[in-house]
Amino acid sequence: MKAYKVMRPVGLDGLEVIDLADPRPARGEVVVAVRACSLNNRDLGVIRGGYYRNDKQPVIPGSDMAGEIIEVGRDAGDWKVGDRVMASFVRDWISGPPDDAVLRTSFGGGIDGFLCERAAVPAHCLVRIPPSMSFAQAATLPCAGVTAWHALMRAGTHAGQTLLLLGTGGVSLFGLQLGRALGCRCIVISSSDAKLERASSLGAADGVNYKAQTDWEVPVRALTGGVGVDHVLEIGGAGTLARSIRATRAGGTISLIGLVARADTHPPVEPAALECITLNGVYVGSRTMLETLVAACMVNRIEPVIDRVFDFVNAPRAYAHLASQAHFGKVVIELAGRG
């Protein structure tokens, strides 16, 4: 079978196509024909050298997989050939809080992932794909979808609250769609007026262009009558955290998710403490969260937002497109079926 492997931590030049033997299932495993993978900002980190707990090299990248079972090993539960499945982002995180050993089983960084034609996968990390959901749509859920769901559930987000989303990538758009389903007022910031218009069509109540208004926390706070938002999905990291803190109300919550923006100042710790703001570290989530997210998407008829789909042979172009930050929603790589 064909697979991509990160051979050297040098960016796209280290992403190589290799030939591997077709996998066979060990006890408790199934073999899945991979039909679609979606990319996350974390995938860019992996090809650039990895980061904490995600620095295995060489490594087959790609955490988010949707596919079809083509072989079932012994003691693999009730799974059967032909079942359509997705894999949880962290192989061994089933439910409850994780520990360090569990978090080191993240596909496509801590262990080999799914940017390959076939993969042997432990049955315990699989979730069934609903009949109405395509492989491409399902492949967007394990990382970005679960991350947004985890953040909202952990913060106790509920109807009537105001939710701030930074940008229009996968996590933020899932946060917007799920937040709307929960009855939240959603505010989106973006560098593009066109993207803000698209976010409005998905239910965003207000938008702020952070290129035009670099102190974006000021208009965000004004939109709440000067009080501040209840909850921020903070995907920027150190480069945006200071402004997120100033945009959040006293007693509000910031979910620390991403590391996209570079820091130019140290985040103001004192305001976070004095305003009694809760900072939650959110790292994707468990298989149980993925199962619950799938159910929520079905009940609320949430369709994942896919920006572009690339063929397997053009996977490096998909990475480059993600790195350009021109995307709105998820970038997906599709694989032709081998039967």
C-alpha atoms as a PDB file:
ATOM      1  CA  MET A   1       0.000   0.000   0.000  1.00  0.00           C
ATOM      2  CA  LYS A   2       0.976   3.642  -0.390  1.00  0.00           C
ATOM      3  CA  ALA A   3       1.509   5.843   2.631  1.00  0.00           C
ATOM      4  CA  TYR A   4       2.928   9.256   3.432  1.00  0.00           C
ATOM      5  CA  LYS A   5       5.597   9.410   6.088  1.00  0.00           C
ATOM      6  CA  VAL A   6       7.266  12.361   7.777  1.00  0.00           C
ATOM      7  CA  MET A   7      10.911  11.345   7.456  1.00  0.00           C
ATOM      8  CA  ARG A   8      12.590  14.576   8.565  1.00  0.00           C
ATOM      9  CA  PRO A   9      11.314  17.622  10.505  1.00  0.00           C
ATOM     10  CA  VAL A  10      11.745  20.034   7.599  1.00  0.00           C
ATOM     11  CA  GLY A  11       8.167  20.819   6.566  1.00  0.00           C
ATOM     12  CA  LEU A  12       6.657  19.616   3.304  1.00  0.00           C
ATOM     13  CA  ASP A  13      10.025  18.482   1.953  1.00  0.00           C
ATOM     14  CA  GLY A  14      10.122  15.837   4.670  1.00  0.00           C
ATOM     15  CA  LEU A  15       6.745  14.366   3.662  1.00  0.00           C
ATOM     16  CA  GLU A  16       7.492  11.343   1.450  1.00  0.00           C
ATOM     17  CA  VAL A  17       5.390   8.661  -0.256  1.00  0.00           C
ATOM     18  CA  ILE A  18       6.515   5.157   0.624  1.00  0.00           C
ATOM     19  CA  ASP A  19       5.393   1.577  -0.069  1.00  0.00           C
ATOM     20  CA  LEU A  20       4.388  -0.569   2.899  1.00  0.00           C
ATOM     21  CA  ALA A  21       2.993  -4.069   3.192  1.00  0.00           C
ATOM     22  CA  ASP A  22      -0.769  -4.215   3.613  1.00  0.00           C
ATOM     23  CA  PRO A  23      -1.520  -4.439   7.348  1.00  0.00           C
ATOM     24  CA  ARG A  24      -3.128  -7.475   8.962  1.00  0.00           C
ATOM     25  CA  PRO A  25      -5.277  -7.216  12.092  1.00  0.00           C
ATOM     26  CA  ALA A  26      -3.837  -8.318  15.417  1.00  0.00           C
ATOM     27  CA  ARG A  27      -6.107  -9.540  18.181  1.00  0.00           C
ATOM     28  CA  GLY A  28      -8.683  -6.855  18.977  1.00  0.00           C
ATOM     29  CA  GLU A  29      -8.012  -4.963  15.736  1.00  0.00           C
ATOM     30  CA  VAL A  30      -9.685  -4.364  12.406  1.00  0.00           C
ATOM     31  CA  VAL A  31      -8.186  -3.248   9.116  1.00  0.00           C
ATOM     32  CA  VAL A  32      -9.756  -0.129   7.664  1.00  0.00           C
ATOM     33  CA  ALA A  33      -9.564   1.054   4.068  1.00  0.00           C
ATOM     34  CA  VAL A  34      -9.011   4.772   4.597  1.00  0.00           C
ATOM     35  CA  ARG A  35     -11.428   6.859   2.528  1.00  0.00           C
ATOM     36  CA  ALA A  36     -10.827  10.361   3.883  1.00  0.00           C
ATOM     37  CA  CYS A  37      -8.534  12.292   6.234  1.00  0.00           C
ATOM     38  CA  SER A  38      -8.866  15.871   7.390  1.00  0.00           C
ATOM     39  CA  LEU A  39      -6.017  18.170   8.343  1.00  0.00           C
ATOM     40  CA  ASN A  40      -5.562  20.251  11.472  1.00  0.00           C
ATOM     41  CA  ASN A  41      -3.044  22.888  12.477  1.00  0.00           C
ATOM     42  CA  ARG A  42      -1.397  20.173  14.563  1.00  0.00           C
ATOM     43  CA  ASP A  43      -0.527  18.371  11.307  1.00  0.00           C
ATOM     44  CA  LEU A  44       1.589  21.352  10.282  1.00  0.00           C
ATOM     45  CA  GLY A  45       3.414  21.098  13.590  1.00  0.00           C
ATOM     46  CA  VAL A  46       4.131  17.407  12.974  1.00  0.00           C
ATOM     47  CA  ILE A  47       5.818  17.993   9.605  1.00  0.00           C
ATOM     48  CA  ARG A  48       7.795  20.898  11.073  1.00  0.00           C
ATOM     49  CA  GLY A  49       9.254  18.803  13.861  1.00  0.00           C
ATOM     50  CA  GLY A  50       6.425  17.905  16.156  1.00  0.00           C
ATOM     51  CA  TYR A  51       5.737  19.179  19.645  1.00  0.00           C
ATOM     52  CA  TYR A  52       5.009  17.882  23.122  1.00  0.00           C
ATOM     53  CA  ARG A  53       3.864  14.230  22.970  1.00  0.00           C
ATOM     54  CA  ASN A  54       3.628  14.425  19.169  1.00  0.00           C
ATOM     55  CA  ASP A  55       7.252  14.127  18.094  1.00  0.00           C
ATOM     56  CA  LYS A  56       7.554  10.539  16.835  1.00  0.00           C
ATOM     57  CA  GLN A  57       9.601  10.410  13.632  1.00  0.00           C
ATOM     58  CA  PRO A  58       9.510   8.870  11.157  1.00  0.00           C
ATOM     59  CA  VAL A  59       5.712   8.829  11.484  1.00  0.00           C
ATOM     60  CA  ILE A  60       2.691   8.349   9.242  1.00  0.00           C
ATOM     61  CA  PRO A  61       0.842  11.650   9.796  1.00  0.00           C
ATOM     62  CA  GLY A  62      -2.885  12.297   9.941  1.00  0.00           C
ATOM     63  CA  SER A  63      -5.063  11.955  13.035  1.00  0.00           C
ATOM     64  CA  ASP A  64      -8.525  12.227  11.490  1.00  0.00           C
ATOM     65  CA  MET A  65      -9.708   9.204   9.545  1.00  0.00           C
ATOM     66  CA  ALA A  66     -12.951   7.906   8.112  1.00  0.00           C
ATOM     67  CA  GLY A  67     -13.058   4.613   6.269  1.00  0.00           C
ATOM     68  CA  GLU A  68     -14.537   1.171   5.773  1.00  0.00           C
ATOM     69  CA  ILE A  69     -13.643  -2.039   7.598  1.00  0.00           C
ATOM     70  CA  ILE A  70     -12.227  -4.635   5.199  1.00  0.00           C
ATOM     71  CA  GLU A  71     -10.905  -7.231   7.670  1.00  0.00           C
ATOM     72  CA  VAL A  72     -11.764  -8.109  11.270  1.00  0.00           C
ATOM     73  CA  GLY A  73      -9.341  -9.720  13.720  1.00  0.00           C
ATOM     74  CA  ARG A  74     -10.123 -11.992  16.650  1.00  0.00           C
ATOM     75  CA  ASP A  75     -11.917 -10.465  19.647  1.00  0.00           C
ATOM     76  CA  ALA A  76     -12.700  -7.234  17.807  1.00  0.00           C
ATOM     77  CA  GLY A  77     -16.207  -6.922  19.165  1.00  0.00           C
ATOM     78  CA  ASP A  78     -19.240  -6.631  16.945  1.00  0.00           C
ATOM     79  CA  TRP A  79     -17.526  -4.867  14.062  1.00  0.00           C
ATOM     80  CA  LYS A  80     -17.895  -6.466  10.648  1.00  0.00           C
ATOM     81  CA  VAL A  81     -16.591  -6.044   7.118  1.00  0.00           C
ATOM     82  CA  GLY A  82     -18.315  -3.126   5.404  1.00  0.00           C
ATOM     83  CA  ASP A  83     -18.918  -1.077   8.548  1.00  0.00           C
ATOM     84  CA  ARG A  84     -18.190   2.629   8.055  1.00  0.00           C
ATOM     85  CA  VAL A  85     -16.066   3.995  10.913  1.00  0.00           C
ATOM     86  CA  MET A  86     -13.997   6.886  12.184  1.00  0.00           C
ATOM     87  CA  ALA A  87     -11.214   6.667  14.743  1.00  0.00           C
ATOM     88  CA  SER A  88     -10.942   8.731  17.906  1.00  0.00           C
ATOM     89  CA  PHE A  89      -8.009  11.186  17.874  1.00  0.00           C
ATOM     90  CA  VAL A  90      -6.370   9.651  20.980  1.00  0.00           C
ATOM     91  CA  ARG A  91      -6.326   5.888  20.484  1.00  0.00           C
ATOM     92  CA  ASP A  92      -6.575   4.860  24.144  1.00  0.00           C
ATOM     93  CA  TRP A  93      -8.690   7.703  25.592  1.00  0.00           C
ATOM     94  CA  ILE A  94     -12.069   6.053  25.965  1.00  0.00           C
ATOM     95  CA  SER A  95     -13.730   8.184  28.664  1.00  0.00           C
ATOM     96  CA  GLY A  96     -13.022  10.181  31.810  1.00  0.00           C
ATOM     97  CA  PRO A  97      -9.833  12.198  32.355  1.00  0.00           C
ATOM     98  CA  PRO A  98      -6.671  11.058  30.526  1.00  0.00           C
ATOM     99  CA  ASP A  99      -3.160  10.511  31.857  1.00  0.00           C
ATOM    100  CA  ASP A 100       0.211  11.078  30.209  1.00  0.00           C
ATOM    101  CA  ALA A 101       0.466   7.548  28.815  1.00  0.00           C
ATOM    102  CA  VAL A 102      -2.964   7.800  27.198  1.00  0.00           C
ATOM    103  CA  LEU A 103      -2.217  11.189  25.636  1.00  0.00           C
ATOM    104  CA  ARG A 104       0.899   9.757  24.021  1.00  0.00           C
ATOM    105  CA  THR A 105      -1.338   7.560  21.838  1.00  0.00           C
ATOM    106  CA  SER A 106      -2.471  10.423  19.590  1.00  0.00           C
ATOM    107  CA  PHE A 107      -2.676   9.221  16.003  1.00  0.00           C
ATOM    108  CA  GLY A 108      -0.403  10.888  13.477  1.00  0.00           C
ATOM    109  CA  GLY A 109       2.000  12.398  16.005  1.00  0.00           C
ATOM    110  CA  GLY A 110       2.531  10.219  19.057  1.00  0.00           C
ATOM    111  CA  ILE A 111       1.891   7.063  17.021  1.00  0.00           C
ATOM    112  CA  ASP A 112       1.418   6.366  13.312  1.00  0.00           C
ATOM    113  CA  GLY A 113      -1.683   7.932  11.796  1.00  0.00           C
ATOM    114  CA  PHE A 114      -3.871   7.564   8.749  1.00  0.00           C
ATOM    115  CA  LEU A 115      -2.402   9.297   5.707  1.00  0.00           C
ATOM    116  CA  CYS A 116      -2.188   5.862   4.097  1.00  0.00           C
ATOM    117  CA  GLU A 117      -4.395   3.535   2.091  1.00  0.00           C
ATOM    118  CA  ARG A 118      -5.037   1.021   4.863  1.00  0.00           C
ATOM    119  CA  ALA A 119      -4.566   0.923   8.625  1.00  0.00           C
ATOM    120  CA  ALA A 120      -4.858  -1.702  11.367  1.00  0.00           C
ATOM    121  CA  VAL A 121      -6.802  -0.050  14.183  1.00  0.00           C
ATOM    122  CA  PRO A 122      -7.801  -1.246  17.688  1.00  0.00           C
ATOM    123  CA  ALA A 123     -11.539  -1.800  17.769  1.00  0.00           C
ATOM    124  CA  HIS A 124     -11.856   0.130  21.041  1.00  0.00           C
ATOM    125  CA  CYS A 125     -11.119   3.503  19.382  1.00  0.00           C
ATOM    126  CA  LEU A 126     -13.705   3.253  16.594  1.00  0.00           C
ATOM    127  CA  VAL A 127     -17.011   5.091  16.244  1.00  0.00           C
ATOM    128  CA  ARG A 128     -19.692   4.283  13.690  1.00  0.00           C
ATOM    129  CA  ILE A 129     -20.383   6.793  10.904  1.00  0.00           C
ATOM    130  CA  PRO A 130     -24.099   7.620  10.515  1.00  0.00           C
ATOM    131  CA  PRO A 131     -25.609   6.612   7.141  1.00  0.00           C
ATOM    132  CA  SER A 132     -26.333  10.227   6.201  1.00  0.00           C
ATOM    133  CA  MET A 133     -22.743  11.378   6.764  1.00  0.00           C
ATOM    134  CA  SER A 134     -20.107  11.133   4.031  1.00  0.00           C
ATOM    135  CA  PHE A 135     -16.578   9.883   4.661  1.00  0.00           C
ATOM    136  CA  ALA A 136     -15.258  13.422   4.080  1.00  0.00           C
ATOM    137  CA  GLN A 137     -17.672  14.891   6.625  1.00  0.00           C
ATOM    138  CA  ALA A 138     -16.944  12.189   9.205  1.00  0.00           C
ATOM    139  CA  ALA A 139     -13.200  12.758   8.855  1.00  0.00           C
ATOM    140  CA  THR A 140     -13.595  16.326  10.142  1.00  0.00           C
ATOM    141  CA  LEU A 141     -14.999  15.291  13.531  1.00  0.00           C
ATOM    142  CA  PRO A 142     -12.290  13.478  15.573  1.00  0.00           C
ATOM    143  CA  CYS A 143     -10.060  16.504  16.226  1.00  0.00           C
ATOM    144  CA  ALA A 144     -11.733  19.834  15.428  1.00  0.00           C
ATOM    145  CA  GLY A 145     -15.285  18.744  16.168  1.00  0.00           C
ATOM    146  CA  VAL A 146     -14.457  16.959  19.418  1.00  0.00           C
ATOM    147  CA  THR A 147     -12.235  19.829  20.566  1.00  0.00           C
ATOM    148  CA  ALA A 148     -15.066  22.336  20.185  1.00  0.00           C
ATOM    149  CA  TRP A 149     -17.558  19.959  21.827  1.00  0.00           C
ATOM    150  CA  HIS A 150     -15.199  19.257  24.747  1.00  0.00           C
ATOM    151  CA  ALA A 151     -14.634  22.984  25.312  1.00  0.00           C
ATOM    152  CA  LEU A 152     -18.334  23.809  25.310  1.00  0.00           C
ATOM    153  CA  MET A 153     -19.343  20.920  27.562  1.00  0.00           C
ATOM    154  CA  ARG A 154     -16.519  21.464  30.061  1.00  0.00           C
ATOM    155  CA  ALA A 155     -17.431  25.147  30.393  1.00  0.00           C
ATOM    156  CA  GLY A 156     -21.099  24.337  30.900  1.00  0.00           C
ATOM    157  CA  THR A 157     -22.001  26.540  27.940  1.00  0.00           C
ATOM    158  CA  HIS A 158     -25.757  27.035  27.679  1.00  0.00           C
ATOM    159  CA  ALA A 159     -28.534  28.996  26.020  1.00  0.00           C
ATOM    160  CA  GLY A 160     -28.397  32.757  26.454  1.00  0.00           C
ATOM    161  CA  GLN A 161     -24.629  32.971  26.798  1.00  0.00           C
ATOM    162  CA  THR A 162     -22.286  34.816  24.454  1.00  0.00           C
ATOM    163  CA  LEU A 163     -19.550  32.781  22.792  1.00  0.00           C
ATOM    164  CA  LEU A 164     -16.468  34.273  21.099  1.00  0.00           C
ATOM    165  CA  LEU A 165     -14.811  32.337  18.252  1.00  0.00           C
ATOM    166  CA  LEU A 166     -11.345  33.309  17.014  1.00  0.00           C
ATOM    167  CA  GLY A 167     -11.059  32.854  13.256  1.00  0.00           C
ATOM    168  CA  THR A 168     -12.896  30.554  10.870  1.00  0.00           C
ATOM    169  CA  GLY A 169     -10.892  27.335  10.986  1.00  0.00           C
ATOM    170  CA  GLY A 170     -12.295  23.941  11.869  1.00  0.00           C
ATOM    171  CA  VAL A 171     -12.539  24.303  15.651  1.00  0.00           C
ATOM    172  CA  SER A 172     -14.034  27.786  15.492  1.00  0.00           C
ATOM    173  CA  LEU A 173     -16.690  26.861  12.932  1.00  0.00           C
ATOM    174  CA  PHE A 174     -17.666  23.745  14.858  1.00  0.00           C
ATOM    175  CA  GLY A 175     -17.839  25.976  17.931  1.00  0.00           C
ATOM    176  CA  LEU A 176     -20.118  28.341  16.025  1.00  0.00           C
ATOM    177  CA  GLN A 177     -22.434  25.584  14.816  1.00  0.00           C
ATOM    178  CA  LEU A 178     -22.573  23.789  18.161  1.00  0.00           C
ATOM    179  CA  GLY A 179     -22.897  27.049  20.057  1.00  0.00           C
ATOM    180  CA  ARG A 180     -25.875  28.041  17.946  1.00  0.00           C
ATOM    181  CA  ALA A 181     -27.448  24.633  18.573  1.00  0.00           C
ATOM    182  CA  LEU A 182     -27.031  25.258  22.308  1.00  0.00           C
ATOM    183  CA  GLY A 183     -28.779  28.647  21.993  1.00  0.00           C
ATOM    184  CA  CYS A 184     -25.716  30.883  22.309  1.00  0.00           C
ATOM    185  CA  ARG A 185     -25.099  34.266  20.749  1.00  0.00           C
ATOM    186  CA  CYS A 186     -21.904  33.799  18.737  1.00  0.00           C
ATOM    187  CA  ILE A 187     -19.357  36.493  17.878  1.00  0.00           C
ATOM    188  CA  VAL A 188     -16.634  35.700  15.325  1.00  0.00           C
ATOM    189  CA  ILE A 189     -13.411  37.563  14.639  1.00  0.00           C
ATOM    190  CA  SER A 190     -11.568  37.150  11.340  1.00  0.00           C
ATOM    191  CA  SER A 191      -9.062  38.912   9.107  1.00  0.00           C
ATOM    192  CA  SER A 192     -11.522  38.758   6.192  1.00  0.00           C
ATOM    193  CA  ASP A 193     -14.867  40.491   5.723  1.00  0.00           C
ATOM    194  CA  ALA A 194     -15.812  37.769   3.218  1.00  0.00           C
ATOM    195  CA  LYS A 195     -15.222  35.093   5.834  1.00  0.00           C
ATOM    196  CA  LEU A 196     -17.255  37.078   8.358  1.00  0.00           C
ATOM    197  CA  GLU A 197     -20.142  37.139   5.901  1.00  0.00           C
ATOM    198  CA  ARG A 198     -19.927  33.366   5.526  1.00  0.00           C
ATOM    199  CA  ALA A 199     -19.829  32.987   9.309  1.00  0.00           C
ATOM    200  CA  SER A 200     -22.975  35.121   9.491  1.00  0.00           C
ATOM    201  CA  SER A 201     -24.712  32.715   7.112  1.00  0.00           C
ATOM    202  CA  LEU A 202     -23.891  29.916   9.595  1.00  0.00           C
ATOM    203  CA  GLY A 203     -25.516  31.828  12.446  1.00  0.00           C
ATOM    204  CA  ALA A 204     -22.899  34.229  13.801  1.00  0.00           C
ATOM    205  CA  ALA A 205     -24.691  37.202  15.375  1.00  0.00           C
ATOM    206  CA  ASP A 206     -21.759  39.612  14.987  1.00  0.00           C
ATOM    207  CA  GLY A 207     -18.321  39.768  13.417  1.00  0.00           C
ATOM    208  CA  VAL A 208     -15.176  41.836  13.946  1.00  0.00           C
ATOM    209  CA  ASN A 209     -12.353  42.190  11.419  1.00  0.00           C
ATOM    210  CA  TYR A 210      -9.192  42.022  13.517  1.00  0.00           C
ATOM    211  CA  LYS A 211      -7.059  43.399  10.694  1.00  0.00           C
ATOM    212  CA  ALA A 212      -9.165  46.558  10.557  1.00  0.00           C
ATOM    213  CA  GLN A 213      -9.507  46.698  14.354  1.00  0.00           C
ATOM    214  CA  THR A 214      -6.325  45.323  15.883  1.00  0.00           C
ATOM    215  CA  ASP A 215      -7.645  45.960  19.394  1.00  0.00           C
ATOM    216  CA  TRP A 216     -10.533  43.611  18.587  1.00  0.00           C
ATOM    217  CA  GLU A 217     -11.323  43.010  22.244  1.00  0.00           C
ATOM    218  CA  VAL A 218     -12.696  46.568  22.436  1.00  0.00           C
ATOM    219  CA  PRO A 219     -15.494  46.146  19.837  1.00  0.00           C
ATOM    220  CA  VAL A 220     -16.165  42.604  21.109  1.00  0.00           C
ATOM    221  CA  ARG A 221     -16.702  43.919  24.607  1.00  0.00           C
ATOM    222  CA  ALA A 222     -18.833  46.761  23.243  1.00  0.00           C
ATOM    223  CA  LEU A 223     -21.079  44.187  21.551  1.00  0.00           C
ATOM    224  CA  THR A 224     -21.851  42.816  25.012  1.00  0.00           C
ATOM    225  CA  GLY A 225     -22.732  46.219  26.474  1.00  0.00           C
ATOM    226  CA  GLY A 226     -19.290  46.475  28.048  1.00  0.00           C
ATOM    227  CA  VAL A 227     -19.757  43.324  30.142  1.00  0.00           C
ATOM    228  CA  GLY A 228     -17.629  40.867  28.154  1.00  0.00           C
ATOM    229  CA  VAL A 229     -18.336  37.471  26.634  1.00  0.00           C
ATOM    230  CA  ASP A 230     -19.148  34.386  28.683  1.00  0.00           C
ATOM    231  CA  HIS A 231     -16.823  31.988  26.897  1.00  0.00           C
ATOM    232  CA  VAL A 232     -13.901  32.203  24.441  1.00  0.00           C
ATOM    233  CA  LEU A 233     -12.637  29.344  22.287  1.00  0.00           C
ATOM    234  CA  GLU A 234      -9.016  30.502  22.352  1.00  0.00           C
ATOM    235  CA  ILE A 235      -7.196  28.947  19.389  1.00  0.00           C
ATOM    236  CA  GLY A 236      -4.452  31.572  19.056  1.00  0.00           C
ATOM    237  CA  GLY A 237      -2.510  30.819  22.211  1.00  0.00           C
ATOM    238  CA  ALA A 238       0.013  33.252  23.675  1.00  0.00           C
ATOM    239  CA  GLY A 239      -0.368  35.674  20.763  1.00  0.00           C
ATOM    240  CA  THR A 240      -4.074  36.314  21.406  1.00  0.00           C
ATOM    241  CA  LEU A 241      -4.657  35.317  25.022  1.00  0.00           C
ATOM    242  CA  ALA A 242      -4.164  38.819  26.423  1.00  0.00           C
ATOM    243  CA  ARG A 243      -6.946  40.218  24.242  1.00  0.00           C
ATOM    244  CA  SER A 244      -9.192  37.217  24.963  1.00  0.00           C
ATOM    245  CA  ILE A 245      -8.821  37.871  28.691  1.00  0.00           C
ATOM    246  CA  ARG A 246      -9.814  41.515  28.203  1.00  0.00           C
ATOM    247  CA  ALA A 247     -12.822  40.430  26.108  1.00  0.00           C
ATOM    248  CA  THR A 248     -14.137  38.033  28.783  1.00  0.00           C
ATOM    249  CA  ARG A 249     -16.574  38.974  31.512  1.00  0.00           C
ATOM    250  CA  ALA A 250     -15.862  38.621  35.206  1.00  0.00           C
ATOM    251  CA  GLY A 251     -16.439  34.975  36.091  1.00  0.00           C
ATOM    252  CA  GLY A 252     -16.255  33.895  32.440  1.00  0.00           C
ATOM    253  CA  THR A 253     -14.327  31.052  30.856  1.00  0.00           C
ATOM    254  CA  ILE A 254     -11.515  30.815  28.301  1.00  0.00           C
ATOM    255  CA  SER A 255     -10.883  27.441  26.701  1.00  0.00           C
ATOM    256  CA  LEU A 256      -7.175  27.248  25.835  1.00  0.00           C
ATOM    257  CA  ILE A 257      -7.050  25.182  22.655  1.00  0.00           C
ATOM    258  CA  GLY A 258      -4.568  26.287  20.020  1.00  0.00           C
ATOM    259  CA  LEU A 259      -1.095  27.671  19.514  1.00  0.00           C
ATOM    260  CA  VAL A 260      -1.582  29.433  16.191  1.00  0.00           C
ATOM    261  CA  ALA A 261      -0.568  33.019  16.976  1.00  0.00           C
ATOM    262  CA  ARG A 262       2.912  34.022  18.078  1.00  0.00           C
ATOM    263  CA  ALA A 263       3.291  35.902  21.317  1.00  0.00           C
ATOM    264  CA  ASP A 264       4.329  39.530  21.203  1.00  0.00           C
ATOM    265  CA  THR A 265       3.645  40.203  24.881  1.00  0.00           C
ATOM    266  CA  HIS A 266       3.207  38.135  28.003  1.00  0.00           C
ATOM    267  CA  PRO A 267      -0.471  37.439  28.799  1.00  0.00           C
ATOM    268  CA  PRO A 268      -1.730  39.608  31.668  1.00  0.00           C
ATOM    269  CA  VAL A 269      -2.102  37.170  34.541  1.00  0.00           C
ATOM    270  CA  GLU A 270      -3.425  39.739  37.017  1.00  0.00           C
ATOM    271  CA  PRO A 271      -6.642  40.578  35.104  1.00  0.00           C
ATOM    272  CA  ALA A 272      -7.462  36.882  34.727  1.00  0.00           C
ATOM    273  CA  ALA A 273      -7.074  36.392  38.474  1.00  0.00           C
ATOM    274  CA  LEU A 274      -8.839  39.593  39.521  1.00  0.00           C
ATOM    275  CA  GLU A 275     -11.772  38.922  37.182  1.00  0.00           C
ATOM    276  CA  CYS A 276     -12.091  35.308  38.404  1.00  0.00           C
ATOM    277  CA  ILE A 277     -11.749  34.015  34.831  1.00  0.00           C
ATOM    278  CA  THR A 278     -11.500  30.252  34.447  1.00  0.00           C
ATOM    279  CA  LEU A 279      -8.801  28.999  32.053  1.00  0.00           C
ATOM    280  CA  ASN A 280      -9.473  25.473  30.792  1.00  0.00           C
ATOM    281  CA  GLY A 281      -6.802  23.577  28.895  1.00  0.00           C
ATOM    282  CA  VAL A 282      -8.552  21.554  26.170  1.00  0.00           C
ATOM    283  CA  TYR A 283      -6.741  18.857  24.186  1.00  0.00           C
ATOM    284  CA  VAL A 284      -9.208  17.202  21.794  1.00  0.00           C
ATOM    285  CA  GLY A 285     -11.169  14.547  23.743  1.00  0.00           C
ATOM    286  CA  SER A 286     -12.180  10.944  24.310  1.00  0.00           C
ATOM    287  CA  ARG A 287     -13.954   8.349  22.183  1.00  0.00           C
ATOM    288  CA  THR A 288     -17.059   8.888  24.319  1.00  0.00           C
ATOM    289  CA  MET A 289     -17.005  12.596  23.442  1.00  0.00           C
ATOM    290  CA  LEU A 290     -16.763  11.693  19.746  1.00  0.00           C
ATOM    291  CA  GLU A 291     -19.786   9.402  20.068  1.00  0.00           C
ATOM    292  CA  THR A 292     -21.779  12.146  21.802  1.00  0.00           C
ATOM    293  CA  LEU A 293     -20.717  14.729  19.210  1.00  0.00           C
ATOM    294  CA  VAL A 294     -21.914  12.488  16.379  1.00  0.00           C
ATOM    295  CA  ALA A 295     -25.302  12.200  18.077  1.00  0.00           C
ATOM    296  CA  ALA A 296     -25.472  15.988  18.563  1.00  0.00           C
ATOM    297  CA  CYS A 297     -24.666  16.585  14.891  1.00  0.00           C
ATOM    298  CA  MET A 298     -27.413  14.213  13.818  1.00  0.00           C
ATOM    299  CA  VAL A 299     -30.069  15.678  16.129  1.00  0.00           C
ATOM    300  CA  ASN A 300     -29.223  19.274  15.196  1.00  0.00           C
ATOM    301  CA  ARG A 301     -28.544  18.529  11.514  1.00  0.00           C
ATOM    302  CA  ILE A 302     -25.078  20.020  11.708  1.00  0.00           C
ATOM    303  CA  GLU A 303     -23.070  19.538   8.526  1.00  0.00           C
ATOM    304  CA  PRO A 304     -19.295  20.026   8.873  1.00  0.00           C
ATOM    305  CA  VAL A 305     -17.951  22.926   6.819  1.00  0.00           C
ATOM    306  CA  ILE A 306     -15.433  21.638   4.261  1.00  0.00           C
ATOM    307  CA  ASP A 307     -13.301  24.210   2.489  1.00  0.00           C
ATOM    308  CA  ARG A 308     -11.538  22.037  -0.111  1.00  0.00           C
ATOM    309  CA  VAL A 309     -11.015  18.363  -0.898  1.00  0.00           C
ATOM    310  CA  PHE A 310      -7.693  17.129  -2.314  1.00  0.00           C
ATOM    311  CA  ASP A 311      -6.796  13.760  -3.823  1.00  0.00           C
ATOM    312  CA  PHE A 312      -4.356  11.524  -1.963  1.00  0.00           C
ATOM    313  CA  VAL A 313      -1.629  12.158  -4.554  1.00  0.00           C
ATOM    314  CA  ASN A 314      -1.988  15.891  -3.877  1.00  0.00           C
ATOM    315  CA  ALA A 315      -1.728  15.654  -0.088  1.00  0.00           C
ATOM    316  CA  PRO A 316       1.246  18.073   0.044  1.00  0.00           C
ATOM    317  CA  ARG A 317      -0.922  20.677  -1.698  1.00  0.00           C
ATOM    318  CA  ALA A 318      -3.552  20.173   0.992  1.00  0.00           C
ATOM    319  CA  TYR A 319      -0.938  20.889   3.670  1.00  0.00           C
ATOM    320  CA  ALA A 320       0.193  23.999   1.783  1.00  0.00           C
ATOM    321  CA  HIS A 321      -3.392  25.223   1.487  1.00  0.00           C
ATOM    322  CA  LEU A 322      -3.913  24.791   5.229  1.00  0.00           C
ATOM    323  CA  ALA A 323      -0.667  26.641   5.947  1.00  0.00           C
ATOM    324  CA  SER A 324      -1.799  29.562   3.754  1.00  0.00           C
ATOM    325  CA  GLN A 325      -4.692  30.223   6.190  1.00  0.00           C
ATOM    326  CA  ALA A 326      -6.931  30.921   3.212  1.00  0.00           C
ATOM    327  CA  HIS A 327      -9.295  28.120   4.208  1.00  0.00           C
ATOM    328  CA  PHE A 328     -12.778  28.492   5.693  1.00  0.00           C
ATOM    329  CA  GLY A 329     -13.518  25.306   7.603  1.00  0.00           C
ATOM    330  CA  LYS A 330     -11.819  21.975   7.068  1.00  0.00           C
ATOM    331  CA  VAL A 331      -9.286  20.778   4.494  1.00  0.00           C
ATOM    332  CA  VAL A 332      -9.866  17.139   3.507  1.00  0.00           C
ATOM    333  CA  ILE A 333      -7.840  14.521   1.643  1.00  0.00           C
ATOM    334  CA  GLU A 334      -9.794  11.744  -0.085  1.00  0.00           C
ATOM    335  CA  LEU A 335      -8.533   8.319  -1.104  1.00  0.00           C
ATOM    336  CA  ALA A 336      -9.936   6.189  -3.909  1.00  0.00           C
ATOM    337  CA  GLY A 337     -11.376   2.858  -2.755  1.00  0.00           C
ATOM    338  CA  ARG A 338      -9.245  -0.228  -3.257  1.00  0.00           C
ATOM    339  CA  GLY A 339     -11.934  -2.758  -2.322  1.00  0.00           C
END
